[in-house]
Protein backbone atom coordinates (compact mmCIF):
# COMPACT_ATOMS: atom_id res chain seq x y z
CA UNK A 1 125.80 69.72 74.58
CA UNK A 2 122.67 72.55 73.64
CA UNK A 3 122.86 75.82 74.61
CA UNK A 4 119.04 76.69 73.61
CA UNK A 5 119.78 80.84 75.17
CA UNK A 6 122.30 82.36 73.02
CA UNK A 7 121.73 85.47 72.07
CA UNK A 8 123.95 88.27 69.87
CA UNK A 9 122.28 91.63 68.25
CA UNK A 10 121.70 91.65 64.15
CA UNK A 11 124.47 94.44 63.05
CA UNK A 12 122.30 96.16 60.33
CA UNK A 13 119.12 96.90 63.13
CA UNK A 14 120.64 96.12 66.46
CA UNK A 15 117.88 93.77 67.04
CA UNK A 16 118.98 90.40 69.21
CA UNK A 17 118.51 87.03 67.04
CA UNK A 18 118.05 84.00 69.24
CA UNK A 19 119.58 80.56 68.54
CA UNK A 20 120.24 77.64 69.81
CA UNK A 21 123.74 75.78 69.61
CA UNK A 22 124.59 72.41 69.11
CA UNK A 23 128.42 71.26 70.34
CA UNK A 24 129.69 67.71 69.31
CA UNK A 25 133.52 67.20 70.02
CA UNK A 26 135.85 64.61 70.35
CA UNK A 27 138.27 65.80 73.22
CA UNK A 28 141.89 65.12 72.91
CA UNK A 29 143.87 66.29 75.71
CA UNK A 30 141.99 69.18 77.09
CA UNK A 31 137.73 68.92 77.51
CA UNK A 32 135.48 72.07 77.83
CA UNK A 33 134.25 73.32 81.28
CA UNK A 34 130.47 73.72 81.47
CA UNK A 35 130.68 77.02 83.28
CA UNK A 36 133.22 78.55 81.07
CA UNK A 37 131.23 78.05 78.14
CA UNK A 38 127.97 79.39 78.96
CA UNK A 39 130.37 82.90 80.00
CA UNK A 40 132.00 82.89 76.34
CA UNK A 41 127.98 82.31 75.31
CA UNK A 42 127.40 85.60 77.10
CA UNK A 43 129.95 87.21 76.16
CA UNK A 44 128.02 87.57 72.72
CA UNK A 45 124.68 88.71 74.04
CA UNK A 46 125.67 92.76 73.51
CA UNK A 47 127.44 91.78 70.25
CA UNK A 48 126.38 93.07 66.66
CA UNK A 49 127.26 90.12 64.60
CA UNK A 50 126.04 88.42 61.22
CA UNK A 51 125.17 84.59 61.92
CA UNK A 52 127.35 82.64 59.82
CA UNK A 53 130.67 85.07 61.33
CA UNK A 54 129.69 84.39 64.47
CA UNK A 55 129.61 80.93 64.41
CA UNK A 56 132.54 80.64 62.66
CA UNK A 57 134.03 82.98 65.28
CA UNK A 58 133.34 80.46 68.43
CA UNK A 59 134.31 77.18 66.26
CA UNK A 60 137.50 78.92 65.93
CA UNK A 61 138.09 79.74 69.61
CA UNK A 62 136.81 76.66 71.47
CA UNK A 63 139.05 74.71 68.95
CA UNK A 64 142.28 76.99 69.62
CA UNK A 65 140.96 76.49 73.55
CA UNK A 66 140.60 72.55 73.60
CA UNK A 67 142.21 71.73 70.88
CA UNK A 68 139.67 68.59 70.18
CA UNK A 69 139.94 65.75 67.70
CA UNK A 70 137.14 66.60 66.31
CA UNK A 71 134.58 69.33 67.33
CA UNK A 72 131.04 70.53 65.08
CA UNK A 73 129.14 73.69 66.07
CA UNK A 74 125.30 74.10 64.45
CA UNK A 75 123.70 76.92 64.83
CA UNK A 76 119.73 77.08 64.67
CA UNK A 77 119.13 81.18 64.86
CA UNK A 78 115.27 81.66 65.15
CA UNK A 79 113.30 83.57 62.52
CA UNK A 80 114.31 86.89 60.88
CA UNK A 81 112.85 88.32 58.08
CA UNK A 82 110.71 84.63 57.68
CA UNK A 83 113.81 82.83 57.39
CA UNK A 84 115.14 80.41 59.89
CA UNK A 85 119.00 79.87 59.52
CA UNK A 86 120.73 76.90 60.15
CA UNK A 87 124.77 77.41 60.18
CA UNK A 88 126.95 74.43 60.79
CA UNK A 89 130.85 74.65 61.18
CA UNK A 90 133.08 71.66 61.74
CA UNK A 91 136.84 70.94 62.43
CA UNK A 92 138.77 67.72 62.46
CA UNK A 93 142.18 67.40 63.68
CA UNK A 94 144.38 66.13 61.06
CA UNK A 95 145.08 62.44 60.56
CA UNK A 96 142.51 62.02 63.11
CA UNK A 97 140.04 58.91 62.81
CA UNK A 98 136.82 58.04 64.51
CA UNK A 99 135.37 54.43 65.45
CA UNK A 100 133.83 53.13 63.91
CA UNK A 101 129.57 53.38 65.23
CA UNK A 102 128.17 51.40 68.26
CA UNK A 103 124.48 50.44 67.50
CA UNK A 104 123.24 50.28 71.45
CA UNK A 105 120.42 48.42 70.01
CA UNK A 106 122.24 45.27 69.33
CA UNK A 107 123.89 45.59 73.13
CA UNK A 108 121.86 42.75 75.24
CA UNK A 109 120.30 44.69 78.30
CA UNK A 110 121.66 43.32 81.92
CA UNK A 111 119.37 41.50 83.26
CA UNK A 112 117.81 42.59 86.47
CA UNK A 113 119.89 41.99 89.85
CA UNK A 114 118.15 40.40 93.28
CA UNK A 115 117.19 42.97 95.77
CA UNK A 116 119.42 43.35 98.86
């Protein structure tokens, strides 16, 4: 999932920080509902938070809510003080092993079906 409109406030200056969030996960029994995720992300708009802290907190909250097999959250913050910041945090469920990757380029295309 790509969430391009994340905002929170700088805890020192109160100025807004903007980031694009990238959330990758492998669910177990529960999935994350998009509207709930959107409302959760919006809840940070008026909250002061350091980049690393808010990214870790979000991952912890999402893992607690969904209990996924795997989850990675990357927050790519816009420039502040001449520096772009990207924070990436990851959760892997104990004893979970990912399946081997599938190279989709190796799968032959499906022939066109005749028109009806």
